[in-house]
C-alpha atoms as a PDB file:
ATOM      1  CA  MET A   1     146.191-111.303-197.504  1.00  0.00           C
ATOM      2  CA  SER A   2     148.630-110.699-194.729  1.00  0.00           C
ATOM      3  CA  PRO A   3     152.212-110.192-195.066  1.00  0.00           C
ATOM      4  CA  PRO A   4     154.411-113.213-194.376  1.00  0.00           C
ATOM      5  CA  HIS A   5     155.794-113.177-190.851  1.00  0.00           C
ATOM      6  CA  THR A   6     159.373-113.100-192.142  1.00  0.00           C
ATOM      7  CA  SER A   7     158.794-109.528-193.376  1.00  0.00           C
ATOM      8  CA  ILE A   8     159.785-108.551-190.184  1.00  0.00           C
ATOM      9  CA  THR A   9     163.475-109.086-191.199  1.00  0.00           C
ATOM     10  CA  GLY A  10     163.405-109.207-194.701  1.00  0.00           C
ATOM     11  CA  ASN A  11     161.050-105.996-196.148  1.00  0.00           C
ATOM     12  CA  PRO A  12     163.227-104.171-198.396  1.00  0.00           C
ATOM     13  CA  THR A  13     160.886-100.959-198.160  1.00  0.00           C
ATOM     14  CA  MET A  14     161.320-100.527-194.453  1.00  0.00           C
ATOM     15  CA  LYS A  15     164.249 -98.060-193.715  1.00  0.00           C
ATOM     16  CA  ASP A  16     164.091 -99.208-189.988  1.00  0.00           C
ATOM     17  CA  LYS A  17     163.182-102.861-189.181  1.00  0.00           C
ATOM     18  CA  PRO A  18     160.360-103.054-186.239  1.00  0.00           C
ATOM     19  CA  THR A  19     161.432-104.147-183.408  1.00  0.00           C
ATOM     20  CA  LEU A  20     159.950-106.932-180.669  1.00  0.00           C
ATOM     21  CA  LYS A  21     159.490-104.067-178.435  1.00  0.00           C
ATOM     22  CA  GLN A  22     157.564-102.107-181.145  1.00  0.00           C
ATOM     23  CA  LEU A  23     155.232-105.179-181.613  1.00  0.00           C
ATOM     24  CA  MET A  24     154.760-105.591-177.704  1.00  0.00           C
ATOM     25  CA  GLU A  25     153.565-101.934-177.533  1.00  0.00           C
ATOM     26  CA  ILE A  26     151.150-102.181-180.605  1.00  0.00           C
ATOM     27  CA  THR A  27     149.682-105.666-179.763  1.00  0.00           C
ATOM     28  CA  GLN A  28     150.011-105.669-175.810  1.00  0.00           C
ATOM     29  CA  LEU A  29     151.373-109.282-176.256  1.00  0.00           C
ATOM     30  CA  SER A  30     154.091-110.920-174.429  1.00  0.00           C
ATOM     31  CA  ARG A  31     157.836-111.268-176.197  1.00  0.00           C
ATOM     32  CA  ALA A  32     157.307-114.897-176.227  1.00  0.00           C
ATOM     33  CA  THR A  33     153.968-114.953-178.014  1.00  0.00           C
ATOM     34  CA  ILE A  34     155.188-112.602-180.607  1.00  0.00           C
ATOM     35  CA  ASP A  35     158.251-114.495-181.263  1.00  0.00           C
ATOM     36  CA  ARG A  36     156.256-117.764-181.389  1.00  0.00           C
ATOM     37  CA  ALA A  37     153.778-115.983-184.074  1.00  0.00           C
ATOM     38  CA  LEU A  38     156.631-114.560-186.303  1.00  0.00           C
ATOM     39  CA  ASN A  39     158.427-118.107-186.420  1.00  0.00           C
ATOM     40  CA  ASN A  40     155.091-119.813-187.051  1.00  0.00           C
ATOM     41  CA  ARG A  41     155.374-121.979-184.195  1.00  0.00           C
ATOM     42  CA  PRO A  42     152.222-124.295-183.196  1.00  0.00           C
ATOM     43  CA  GLY A  43     149.829-123.566-180.488  1.00  0.00           C
ATOM     44  CA  VAL A  44     149.490-119.903-181.676  1.00  0.00           C
ATOM     45  CA  HIS A  45     145.653-118.814-181.978  1.00  0.00           C
ATOM     46  CA  PRO A  46     144.764-117.314-185.121  1.00  0.00           C
ATOM     47  CA  ARG A  47     143.480-114.086-183.554  1.00  0.00           C
ATOM     48  CA  THR A  48     146.956-113.623-181.995  1.00  0.00           C
ATOM     49  CA  ARG A  49     148.705-114.204-185.605  1.00  0.00           C
ATOM     50  CA  SER A  50     146.403-111.439-186.855  1.00  0.00           C
ATOM     51  CA  ALA A  51     147.109-109.081-184.179  1.00  0.00           C
ATOM     52  CA  VAL A  52     150.865-109.430-185.092  1.00  0.00           C
ATOM     53  CA  ASP A  53     150.244-109.229-188.693  1.00  0.00           C
ATOM     54  CA  ALA A  54     148.038-105.908-188.065  1.00  0.00           C
ATOM     55  CA  ALA A  55     151.000-104.626-185.997  1.00  0.00           C
ATOM     56  CA  ILE A  56     153.604-105.095-188.732  1.00  0.00           C
ATOM     57  CA  ARG A  57     151.334-103.527-191.270  1.00  0.00           C
ATOM     58  CA  GLN A  58     150.939-100.473-189.014  1.00  0.00           C
ATOM     59  CA  LEU A  59     154.517-100.235-188.456  1.00  0.00           C
ATOM     60  CA  HIS A  60     155.059-100.529-192.352  1.00  0.00           C
ATOM     61  CA  GLU A  61     152.651 -97.421-192.385  1.00  0.00           C
ATOM     62  CA  ARG A  62     154.460 -95.208-190.053  1.00  0.00           C
ATOM     63  CA  ALA A  63     157.655 -95.986-191.905  1.00  0.00           C
ATOM     64  CA  GLU A  64     156.116 -94.699-195.332  1.00  0.00           C
ATOM     65  CA  SER A  65     154.657 -91.540-193.246  1.00  0.00           C
ATOM     66  CA  PRO A  66     157.192 -90.450-190.749  1.00  0.00           C
ATOM     67  CA  ARG A  67     155.415 -87.214-190.122  1.00  0.00           C
ATOM     68  CA  GLN A  68     152.719 -89.240-188.323  1.00  0.00           C
ATOM     69  CA  PRO A  69     153.679 -89.679-184.531  1.00  0.00           C
ATOM     70  CA  ALA A  70     154.070 -93.007-183.195  1.00  0.00           C
ATOM     71  CA  ARG A  71     152.063 -93.309-179.906  1.00  0.00           C
ATOM     72  CA  ALA A  72     153.664 -96.025-177.502  1.00  0.00           C
ATOM     73  CA  ARG A  73     151.117 -97.925-175.425  1.00  0.00           C
ATOM     74  CA  HIS A  74     151.698 -99.870-172.240  1.00  0.00           C
ATOM     75  CA  VAL A  75     152.696-103.326-172.562  1.00  0.00           C
ATOM     76  CA  ALA A  76     149.645-105.435-170.994  1.00  0.00           C
ATOM     77  CA  TYR A  77     150.074-108.840-169.226  1.00  0.00           C
ATOM     78  CA  ARG A  78     147.250-111.166-170.003  1.00  0.00           C
ATOM     79  CA  ILE A  79     146.619-113.376-167.122  1.00  0.00           C
ATOM     80  CA  ARG A  80     143.931-115.809-166.643  1.00  0.00           C
ATOM     81  CA  LEU A  81     143.344-117.726-163.288  1.00  0.00           C
ATOM     82  CA  LEU A  82     141.652-121.075-163.458  1.00  0.00           C
ATOM     83  CA  ALA A  83     139.828-122.032-160.346  1.00  0.00           C
ATOM     84  CA  GLN A  84     138.934-125.742-160.178  1.00  0.00           C
ATOM     85  CA  ALA A  85     137.353-125.363-156.527  1.00  0.00           C
ATOM     86  CA  GLY A  86     134.343-124.964-154.900  1.00  0.00           C
ATOM     87  CA  ASP A  87     131.724-122.409-155.873  1.00  0.00           C
ATOM     88  CA  ALA A  88     131.699-120.289-152.793  1.00  0.00           C
ATOM     89  CA  PHE A  89     135.263-120.091-152.618  1.00  0.00           C
ATOM     90  CA  THR A  90     135.439-119.179-156.507  1.00  0.00           C
ATOM     91  CA  ASP A  91     133.105-116.592-156.068  1.00  0.00           C
ATOM     92  CA  GLU A  92     135.170-115.095-153.242  1.00  0.00           C
ATOM     93  CA  LEU A  93     138.118-115.045-155.468  1.00  0.00           C
ATOM     94  CA  THR A  94     136.423-113.487-158.308  1.00  0.00           C
ATOM     95  CA  ARG A  95     135.333-110.620-156.144  1.00  0.00           C
ATOM     96  CA  ALA A  96     138.960-110.221-154.818  1.00  0.00           C
ATOM     97  CA  ALA A  97     140.275-109.948-158.359  1.00  0.00           C
ATOM     98  CA  GLN A  98     137.510-107.556-159.304  1.00  0.00           C
ATOM     99  CA  SER A  99     138.459-105.388-156.291  1.00  0.00           C
ATOM    100  CA  LEU A 100     142.047-105.257-157.826  1.00  0.00           C
ATOM    101  CA  GLU A 101     140.769-104.537-161.223  1.00  0.00           C
ATOM    102  CA  THR A 102     142.242-100.876-161.216  1.00  0.00           C
ATOM    103  CA  GLU A 103     145.166-101.418-159.440  1.00  0.00           C
ATOM    104  CA  LEU A 104     146.376-104.029-161.678  1.00  0.00           C
ATOM    105  CA  ALA A 105     145.415-102.341-164.803  1.00  0.00           C
ATOM    106  CA  ASP A 106     147.894 -99.336-163.725  1.00  0.00           C
ATOM    107  CA  SER A 107     150.583-101.968-163.766  1.00  0.00           C
ATOM    108  CA  GLY A 108     149.443-103.172-167.230  1.00  0.00           C
ATOM    109  CA  VAL A 109     147.940-106.435-165.914  1.00  0.00           C
ATOM    110  CA  GLN A 110     144.636-107.753-166.988  1.00  0.00           C
ATOM    111  CA  LEU A 111     143.520-110.614-164.708  1.00  0.00           C
ATOM    112  CA  GLU A 112     140.444-112.742-165.048  1.00  0.00           C
ATOM    113  CA  VAL A 113     139.100-115.642-163.036  1.00  0.00           C
ATOM    114  CA  VAL A 114     137.951-118.532-165.148  1.00  0.00           C
ATOM    115  CA  SER A 115     135.594-120.575-163.229  1.00  0.00           C
ATOM    116  CA  CYS A 116     136.119-124.429-163.452  1.00  0.00           C
ATOM    117  CA  VAL A 117     133.557-125.432-160.722  1.00  0.00           C
ATOM    118  CA  GLY A 118     132.401-129.123-161.108  1.00  0.00           C
ATOM    119  CA  ILE A 119     134.172-129.940-164.394  1.00  0.00           C
ATOM    120  CA  SER A 120     136.708-132.849-164.944  1.00  0.00           C
ATOM    121  CA  ASP A 121     140.187-132.849-164.908  1.00  0.00           C
ATOM    122  CA  SER A 122     140.293-133.584-168.806  1.00  0.00           C
ATOM    123  CA  GLU A 123     138.152-130.386-169.399  1.00  0.00           C
ATOM    124  CA  VAL A 124     140.495-128.378-167.017  1.00  0.00           C
ATOM    125  CA  ALA A 125     143.319-129.437-169.303  1.00  0.00           C
ATOM    126  CA  GLU A 126     141.439-128.509-172.478  1.00  0.00           C
ATOM    127  CA  ARG A 127     140.878-125.053-171.164  1.00  0.00           C
ATOM    128  CA  VAL A 128     144.441-124.599-170.099  1.00  0.00           C
ATOM    129  CA  ARG A 129     145.497-125.484-173.759  1.00  0.00           C
ATOM    130  CA  GLU A 130     142.529-123.204-175.172  1.00  0.00           C
ATOM    131  CA  LEU A 131     143.630-120.369-173.105  1.00  0.00           C
ATOM    132  CA  SER A 132     147.686-120.628-173.409  1.00  0.00           C
ATOM    133  CA  ALA A 133     147.838-119.348-176.816  1.00  0.00           C
ATOM    134  CA  ASP A 134     146.189-115.892-175.987  1.00  0.00           C
ATOM    135  CA  VAL A 135     147.633-115.242-172.549  1.00  0.00           C
ATOM    136  CA  ASP A 136     151.078-114.490-171.127  1.00  0.00           C
ATOM    137  CA  GLY A 137     150.503-116.366-167.893  1.00  0.00           C
ATOM    138  CA  ILE A 138     148.254-118.835-166.423  1.00  0.00           C
ATOM    139  CA  GLY A 139     147.320-119.041-162.573  1.00  0.00           C
ATOM    140  CA  ILE A 140     145.610-122.200-161.393  1.00  0.00           C
ATOM    141  CA  ILE A 141     143.847-123.991-158.866  1.00  0.00           C
ATOM    142  CA  CYS A 142     143.496-127.713-159.709  1.00  0.00           C
ATOM    143  CA  THR A 143     143.975-131.220-158.918  1.00  0.00           C
ATOM    144  CA  ASN A 144     147.521-132.559-159.447  1.00  0.00           C
ATOM    145  CA  THR A 145     146.327-135.244-162.179  1.00  0.00           C
ATOM    146  CA  PRO A 146     148.076-136.601-165.166  1.00  0.00           C
ATOM    147  CA  ALA A 147     145.708-134.729-167.670  1.00  0.00           C
ATOM    148  CA  THR A 148     146.113-131.141-165.909  1.00  0.00           C
ATOM    149  CA  VAL A 149     149.621-131.576-165.163  1.00  0.00           C
ATOM    150  CA  ALA A 150     150.487-132.530-168.830  1.00  0.00           C
ATOM    151  CA  ALA A 151     148.906-129.541-170.057  1.00  0.00           C
ATOM    152  CA  LEU A 152     150.817-127.285-167.562  1.00  0.00           C
ATOM    153  CA  ARG A 153     153.910-128.804-168.624  1.00  0.00           C
ATOM    154  CA  ASP A 154     153.073-127.984-172.243  1.00  0.00           C
ATOM    155  CA  CYS A 155     152.563-124.320-171.318  1.00  0.00           C
ATOM    156  CA  VAL A 156     155.900-124.075-169.413  1.00  0.00           C
ATOM    157  CA  ALA A 157     157.768-125.584-172.306  1.00  0.00           C
ATOM    158  CA  ALA A 158     156.138-123.298-174.708  1.00  0.00           C
ATOM    159  CA  GLY A 159     157.434-120.397-172.652  1.00  0.00           C
ATOM    160  CA  LYS A 160     154.289-119.514-170.652  1.00  0.00           C
ATOM    161  CA  ALA A 161     154.305-118.401-167.134  1.00  0.00           C
ATOM    162  CA  VAL A 162     152.583-120.886-165.010  1.00  0.00           C
ATOM    163  CA  VAL A 163     151.855-120.287-161.200  1.00  0.00           C
ATOM    164  CA  THR A 164     149.662-122.614-158.851  1.00  0.00           C
ATOM    165  CA  LEU A 165     147.548-121.216-156.153  1.00  0.00           C
ATOM    166  CA  ILE A 166     146.193-122.624-152.762  1.00  0.00           C
ATOM    167  CA  THR A 167     147.368-126.465-153.888  1.00  0.00           C
ATOM    168  CA  ASP A 168     150.444-127.601-155.928  1.00  0.00           C
ATOM    169  CA  VAL A 169     151.209-129.747-158.762  1.00  0.00           C
ATOM    170  CA  ASP A 170     154.457-131.406-159.995  1.00  0.00           C
ATOM    171  CA  ALA A 171     157.279-128.971-159.655  1.00  0.00           C
ATOM    172  CA  ASP A 172     158.273-129.151-163.275  1.00  0.00           C
ATOM    173  CA  ALA A 173     154.595-128.163-164.423  1.00  0.00           C
ATOM    174  CA  ARG A 174     154.737-124.579-162.795  1.00  0.00           C
ATOM    175  CA  HIS A 175     157.323-121.905-162.095  1.00  0.00           C
ATOM    176  CA  THR A 176     155.913-120.939-158.656  1.00  0.00           C
ATOM    177  CA  TYR A 177     153.509-122.103-155.995  1.00  0.00           C
ATOM    178  CA  VAL A 178     151.670-119.277-154.096  1.00  0.00           C
ATOM    179  CA  GLY A 179     149.746-119.932-150.958  1.00  0.00           C
ATOM    180  CA  VAL A 180     150.054-120.949-147.470  1.00  0.00           C
ATOM    181  CA  ASN A 181     152.123-123.788-146.153  1.00  0.00           C
ATOM    182  CA  ASN A 182     149.502-126.417-146.314  1.00  0.00           C
ATOM    183  CA  ARG A 183     151.062-128.801-143.706  1.00  0.00           C
ATOM    184  CA  ALA A 184     151.334-126.206-141.250  1.00  0.00           C
ATOM    185  CA  ALA A 185     147.606-125.229-141.663  1.00  0.00           C
ATOM    186  CA  GLY A 186     147.184-128.803-140.775  1.00  0.00           C
ATOM    187  CA  GLN A 187     149.206-128.690-137.646  1.00  0.00           C
ATOM    188  CA  ALA A 188     147.360-125.314-136.641  1.00  0.00           C
ATOM    189  CA  ALA A 189     144.194-127.102-136.749  1.00  0.00           C
ATOM    190  CA  ALA A 190     145.377-130.063-134.888  1.00  0.00           C
ATOM    191  CA  PHE A 191     146.805-127.622-132.332  1.00  0.00           C
ATOM    192  CA  LEU A 192     143.046-126.039-131.904  1.00  0.00           C
ATOM    193  CA  VAL A 193     141.577-129.483-131.992  1.00  0.00           C
ATOM    194  CA  GLY A 194     143.936-130.890-129.268  1.00  0.00           C
ATOM    195  CA  ARG A 195     143.907-127.841-126.882  1.00  0.00           C
ATOM    196  CA  HIS A 196     140.301-127.675-127.009  1.00  0.00           C
ATOM    197  CA  LEU A 197     139.623-131.563-126.134  1.00  0.00           C
ATOM    198  CA  GLU A 198     142.618-131.873-123.909  1.00  0.00           C
ATOM    199  CA  THR A 199     140.761-132.721-120.777  1.00  0.00           C
ATOM    200  CA  ARG A 200     138.618-135.299-122.377  1.00  0.00           C
ATOM    201  CA  PRO A 201     139.824-139.098-121.731  1.00  0.00           C
ATOM    202  CA  SER A 202     139.754-140.291-125.355  1.00  0.00           C
ATOM    203  CA  PRO A 203     137.799-137.749-127.734  1.00  0.00           C
ATOM    204  CA  SER A 204     136.872-138.926-131.237  1.00  0.00           C
ATOM    205  CA  VAL A 205     137.788-136.796-134.256  1.00  0.00           C
ATOM    206  CA  ALA A 206     137.429-137.149-137.774  1.00  0.00           C
ATOM    207  CA  VAL A 207     139.096-135.503-140.994  1.00  0.00           C
ATOM    208  CA  VAL A 208     136.869-134.532-143.909  1.00  0.00           C
ATOM    209  CA  VAL A 209     138.635-134.298-147.424  1.00  0.00           C
ATOM    210  CA  ALA A 210     137.420-133.968-151.029  1.00  0.00           C
ATOM    211  CA  THR A 211     140.131-135.958-152.853  1.00  0.00           C
ATOM    212  CA  PHE A 212     143.866-136.548-152.042  1.00  0.00           C
ATOM    213  CA  SER A 213     144.475-135.236-155.939  1.00  0.00           C
ATOM    214  CA  TYR A 214     144.403-131.856-154.370  1.00  0.00           C
ATOM    215  CA  THR A 215     147.765-131.738-152.595  1.00  0.00           C
ATOM    216  CA  CYS A 216     146.557-129.066-150.216  1.00  0.00           C
ATOM    217  CA  HIS A 217     144.118-131.568-148.918  1.00  0.00           C
ATOM    218  CA  GLU A 218     146.492-134.369-148.571  1.00  0.00           C
ATOM    219  CA  ASP A 219     149.082-131.853-146.942  1.00  0.00           C
ATOM    220  CA  ARG A 220     146.699-130.610-144.539  1.00  0.00           C
ATOM    221  CA  GLU A 221     145.598-133.954-143.416  1.00  0.00           C
ATOM    222  CA  ILE A 222     149.002-135.207-142.860  1.00  0.00           C
ATOM    223  CA  GLY A 223     149.929-132.286-140.958  1.00  0.00           C
ATOM    224  CA  PHE A 224     146.853-132.577-138.803  1.00  0.00           C
ATOM    225  CA  ARG A 225     147.609-136.426-138.104  1.00  0.00           C
ATOM    226  CA  SER A 226     151.312-135.957-137.376  1.00  0.00           C
ATOM    227  CA  LEU A 227     150.673-133.071-134.764  1.00  0.00           C
ATOM    228  CA  LEU A 228     147.886-134.903-133.083  1.00  0.00           C
ATOM    229  CA  ARG A 229     150.035-137.869-132.899  1.00  0.00           C
ATOM    230  CA  GLN A 230     153.218-135.910-131.567  1.00  0.00           C
ATOM    231  CA  ARG A 231     151.186-133.485-129.136  1.00  0.00           C
ATOM    232  CA  PHE A 232     147.806-135.014-128.335  1.00  0.00           C
ATOM    233  CA  PRO A 233     148.189-138.809-128.617  1.00  0.00           C
ATOM    234  CA  HIS A 234     144.998-139.098-126.306  1.00  0.00           C
ATOM    235  CA  VAL A 235     142.905-138.045-129.210  1.00  0.00           C
ATOM    236  CA  ASN A 236     141.390-140.813-131.182  1.00  0.00           C
ATOM    237  CA  LEU A 237     141.712-139.898-134.844  1.00  0.00           C
ATOM    238  CA  LEU A 238     139.167-141.767-136.917  1.00  0.00           C
ATOM    239  CA  GLU A 239     139.265-142.553-140.631  1.00  0.00           C
ATOM    240  CA  VAL A 240     139.058-139.905-143.122  1.00  0.00           C
ATOM    241  CA  ILE A 241     135.581-138.977-144.352  1.00  0.00           C
ATOM    242  CA  LYS A 242     135.400-138.411-148.331  1.00  0.00           C
ATOM    243  CA  GLY A 243     133.180-135.328-149.057  1.00  0.00           C
ATOM    244  CA  ALA A 244     133.891-134.698-152.818  1.00  0.00           C
ATOM    245  CA  ASP A 245     134.063-131.122-152.175  1.00  0.00           C
ATOM    246  CA  SER A 246     130.105-130.731-152.476  1.00  0.00           C
ATOM    247  CA  GLY A 247     127.407-130.040-149.857  1.00  0.00           C
ATOM    248  CA  ALA A 248     125.300-132.973-150.564  1.00  0.00           C
ATOM    249  CA  ALA A 249     128.067-135.640-150.821  1.00  0.00           C
ATOM    250  CA  THR A 250     129.667-134.382-147.636  1.00  0.00           C
ATOM    251  CA  TYR A 251     126.025-134.490-145.931  1.00  0.00           C
ATOM    252  CA  GLU A 252     125.771-138.103-146.774  1.00  0.00           C
ATOM    253  CA  ALA A 253     129.371-138.941-146.063  1.00  0.00           C
ATOM    254  CA  THR A 254     129.246-137.344-142.684  1.00  0.00           C
ATOM    255  CA  ARG A 255     125.539-138.803-141.726  1.00  0.00           C
ATOM    256  CA  ARG A 256     126.748-142.189-142.572  1.00  0.00           C
ATOM    257  CA  PHE A 257     129.888-141.829-140.775  1.00  0.00           C
ATOM    258  CA  MET A 258     128.403-140.823-137.406  1.00  0.00           C
ATOM    259  CA  GLU A 259     125.737-143.620-137.944  1.00  0.00           C
ATOM    260  CA  GLN A 260     128.740-146.130-137.928  1.00  0.00           C
ATOM    261  CA  HIS A 261     131.218-144.251-135.239  1.00  0.00           C
ATOM    262  CA  GLY A 262     128.723-142.298-133.129  1.00  0.00           C
ATOM    263  CA  PRO A 263     129.000-138.657-132.108  1.00  0.00           C
ATOM    264  CA  LEU A 264     132.209-136.856-132.972  1.00  0.00           C
ATOM    265  CA  ASP A 265     134.035-134.325-130.371  1.00  0.00           C
ATOM    266  CA  GLY A 266     135.958-132.633-133.093  1.00  0.00           C
ATOM    267  CA  ILE A 267     135.848-132.393-136.924  1.00  0.00           C
ATOM    268  CA  TYR A 268     138.394-130.849-139.030  1.00  0.00           C
ATOM    269  CA  ASN A 269     137.338-130.120-142.758  1.00  0.00           C
ATOM    270  CA  VAL A 270     140.165-129.409-145.193  1.00  0.00           C
ATOM    271  CA  ALA A 271     137.747-129.130-148.131  1.00  0.00           C
ATOM    272  CA  GLY A 272     134.588-127.397-149.113  1.00  0.00           C
ATOM    273  CA  GLY A 273     130.962-128.820-148.787  1.00  0.00           C
ATOM    274  CA  ASN A 274     130.381-127.159-145.390  1.00  0.00           C
ATOM    275  CA  GLU A 275     126.842-126.607-145.804  1.00  0.00           C
ATOM    276  CA  GLY A 276     126.387-130.415-145.877  1.00  0.00           C
ATOM    277  CA  LEU A 277     128.772-130.814-142.779  1.00  0.00           C
ATOM    278  CA  ALA A 278     126.681-128.251-140.952  1.00  0.00           C
ATOM    279  CA  ALA A 279     123.490-130.027-141.936  1.00  0.00           C
ATOM    280  CA  ALA A 280     124.633-133.417-140.711  1.00  0.00           C
ATOM    281  CA  LEU A 281     125.821-132.137-137.263  1.00  0.00           C
ATOM    282  CA  ARG A 282     122.378-130.168-136.907  1.00  0.00           C
ATOM    283  CA  GLU A 283     120.422-133.378-137.769  1.00  0.00           C
ATOM    284  CA  LYS A 284     122.379-135.314-134.934  1.00  0.00           C
ATOM    285  CA  HIS A 285     121.960-132.278-132.537  1.00  0.00           C
ATOM    286  CA  LEU A 286     125.887-131.870-132.435  1.00  0.00           C
ATOM    287  CA  ALA A 287     125.943-128.226-134.029  1.00  0.00           C
ATOM    288  CA  GLY A 288     127.920-125.952-131.595  1.00  0.00           C
ATOM    289  CA  LYS A 289     128.784-129.079-129.590  1.00  0.00           C
ATOM    290  CA  THR A 290     131.229-130.785-131.768  1.00  0.00           C
ATOM    291  CA  LEU A 291     134.709-128.608-132.464  1.00  0.00           C
ATOM    292  CA  TYR A 292     134.617-127.697-136.139  1.00  0.00           C
ATOM    293  CA  VAL A 293     137.604-126.425-137.789  1.00  0.00           C
ATOM    294  CA  THR A 294     137.547-125.697-141.597  1.00  0.00           C
ATOM    295  CA  HIS A 295     139.190-123.460-144.144  1.00  0.00           C
ATOM    296  CA  GLU A 296     138.335-120.166-146.033  1.00  0.00           C
ATOM    297  CA  VAL A 297     135.922-117.270-145.337  1.00  0.00           C
ATOM    298  CA  ASN A 298     132.904-117.126-147.865  1.00  0.00           C
ATOM    299  CA  ARG A 299     129.193-117.033-147.979  1.00  0.00           C
ATOM    300  CA  VAL A 300     128.725-120.602-146.753  1.00  0.00           C
ATOM    301  CA  THR A 301     131.441-120.445-143.713  1.00  0.00           C
ATOM    302  CA  GLU A 302     130.848-117.153-142.483  1.00  0.00           C
ATOM    303  CA  PRO A 303     127.184-117.500-141.304  1.00  0.00           C
ATOM    304  CA  LEU A 304     128.160-120.772-139.872  1.00  0.00           C
ATOM    305  CA  LEU A 305     131.233-119.235-137.880  1.00  0.00           C
ATOM    306  CA  ARG A 306     128.844-116.313-136.700  1.00  0.00           C
ATOM    307  CA  SER A 307     126.327-118.698-135.420  1.00  0.00           C
ATOM    308  CA  ASP A 308     128.820-121.006-133.607  1.00  0.00           C
ATOM    309  CA  VAL A 309     128.367-124.021-135.758  1.00  0.00           C
ATOM    310  CA  ILE A 310     132.005-123.580-137.017  1.00  0.00           C
ATOM    311  CA  ASP A 311     134.460-122.605-134.239  1.00  0.00           C
ATOM    312  CA  TYR A 312     137.559-121.645-136.421  1.00  0.00           C
ATOM    313  CA  LEU A 313     138.421-120.899-140.158  1.00  0.00           C
ATOM    314  CA  LEU A 314     141.934-120.807-141.334  1.00  0.00           C
ATOM    315  CA  THR A 315     142.437-118.918-144.449  1.00  0.00           C
ATOM    316  CA  GLN A 316     144.787-116.172-146.378  1.00  0.00           C
ATOM    317  CA  ASP A 317     144.633-112.818-147.769  1.00  0.00           C
ATOM    318  CA  LEU A 318     142.920-113.231-151.133  1.00  0.00           C
ATOM    319  CA  LYS A 319     144.134-110.026-152.402  1.00  0.00           C
ATOM    320  CA  LEU A 320     147.741-110.789-151.253  1.00  0.00           C
ATOM    321  CA  LEU A 321     147.405-114.117-152.729  1.00  0.00           C
ATOM    322  CA  LEU A 322     146.483-112.687-156.117  1.00  0.00           C
ATOM    323  CA  LYS A 323     148.982-110.039-156.135  1.00  0.00           C
ATOM    324  CA  THR A 324     151.803-112.304-155.228  1.00  0.00           C
ATOM    325  CA  ALA A 325     150.738-114.516-158.006  1.00  0.00           C
ATOM    326  CA  VAL A 326     150.682-111.781-160.588  1.00  0.00           C
ATOM    327  CA  GLU A 327     154.130-110.520-159.459  1.00  0.00           C
ATOM    328  CA  ASN A 328     155.545-114.066-160.199  1.00  0.00           C
ATOM    329  CA  LEU A 329     153.672-114.433-163.325  1.00  0.00           C
ATOM    330  CA  THR A 330     154.576-111.158-164.670  1.00  0.00           C
ATOM    331  CA  ALA A 331     158.315-111.635-163.617  1.00  0.00           C
ATOM    332  CA  VAL A 332     158.297-115.088-165.477  1.00  0.00           C
ATOM    333  CA  SER A 333     156.838-113.382-168.511  1.00  0.00           C
ATOM    334  CA  ASP A 334     159.693-110.852-168.487  1.00  0.00           C
ATOM    335  CA  GLY A 335     162.288-113.487-168.330  1.00  0.00           C
ATOM    336  CA  LEU A 336     163.246-113.081-164.747  1.00  0.00           C
ATOM    337  CA  GLN A 337     163.769-116.145-162.260  1.00  0.00           C
ATOM    338  CA  ALA A 338     160.919-116.683-159.928  1.00  0.00           C
ATOM    339  CA  PRO A 339     161.254-118.570-156.675  1.00  0.00           C
ATOM    340  CA  ALA A 340     159.794-122.130-156.442  1.00  0.00           C
ATOM    341  CA  GLN A 341     157.414-121.227-153.637  1.00  0.00           C
ATOM    342  CA  ALA A 342     155.971-117.843-152.423  1.00  0.00           C
ATOM    343  CA  ILE A 343     154.529-118.837-148.869  1.00  0.00           C
ATOM    344  CA  ILE A 344     151.947-116.240-147.673  1.00  0.00           C
ATOM    345  CA  PRO A 345     150.746-116.177-143.976  1.00  0.00           C
ATOM    346  CA  ILE A 346     147.926-118.277-142.428  1.00  0.00           C
ATOM    347  CA  GLU A 347     145.119-116.337-140.942  1.00  0.00           C
ATOM    348  CA  THR A 348     142.948-117.784-138.094  1.00  0.00           C
ATOM    349  CA  TYR A 349     139.216-116.594-137.356  1.00  0.00           C
ATOM    350  CA  SER A 350     136.852-117.184-134.670  1.00  0.00           C
ATOM    351  CA  ARG A 351     133.414-115.461-134.630  1.00  0.00           C
ATOM    352  CA  TYR A 352     134.934-112.752-132.382  1.00  0.00           C
ATOM    353  CA  SER A 353     137.849-111.848-134.770  1.00  0.00           C
ATOM    354  CA  LEU A 354     135.879-111.943-137.916  1.00  0.00           C
ATOM    355  CA  TYR A 355     135.939-108.564-139.634  1.00  0.00           C
END
């Protein structure tokens, strides 16, 4: 039977009581996680309790055999990044995380991307709660919906570090947002579209979104619309096309839209589903003719950019994104104050500037 957790402060056989620092070195768990386990607070995974029990037993044995040298281990931060995003973007994010594995390990950080492609908000919330007991911090790309936000609030209340990436949630459900200024990204897209179509008398432009539950989609659309209205009022901005962040849905929505409104002079996709959007343009013989701006460099968008179907890609340095997220997650885990936002630069690519 495991010794009771109160033994850390009440074992009469130990000359020196084990400290939280010693337990952190052995278990590689955070101070907050160990404190919850020691005080029998809810939400602690059985494996975590077992690890703390084992560490206490190990320290008892060291105290009884003082000639056995104690070997300190580097404190590790266990961080999980949940990605409720498109599969192509999630693949790129995973590759970026894997490329940083050695560098992060040297700093005592274990980072793993958890794919949440195609699952519901309630399932994302469930995964947040499942992971929270065994990690020091959670990074997340998700919709700003009640189920997920409630799970993230519980993490924050339990002392877990929470950082949102790419798209944000309610401010009280996370410590820091890391990503580009999405409203500025929408304005950048509008500037590109407006300048290209400046000489046309009344060009027709549409915006493709997945869902406004992603705050980044909403902010990009707002920025796009506002700058066109201010700088390029001659542009005829049509209603939003809802593509549901999938290729098939985006194809159907775009095809129906063009059947109703006719050819488009420009299109701005704030979401995923670019393979479907490209297919709809090709079907109408508009590929390479309709000005096309979207986000992220990945296995879908890169060949479309190189073949002149997509004209511009707005993106960010994924390694910088991940490093910045990790810096804020570890800072919060250490009890330090983190900024409300950590904004990183917007990068713009054409086929001629793509690496």
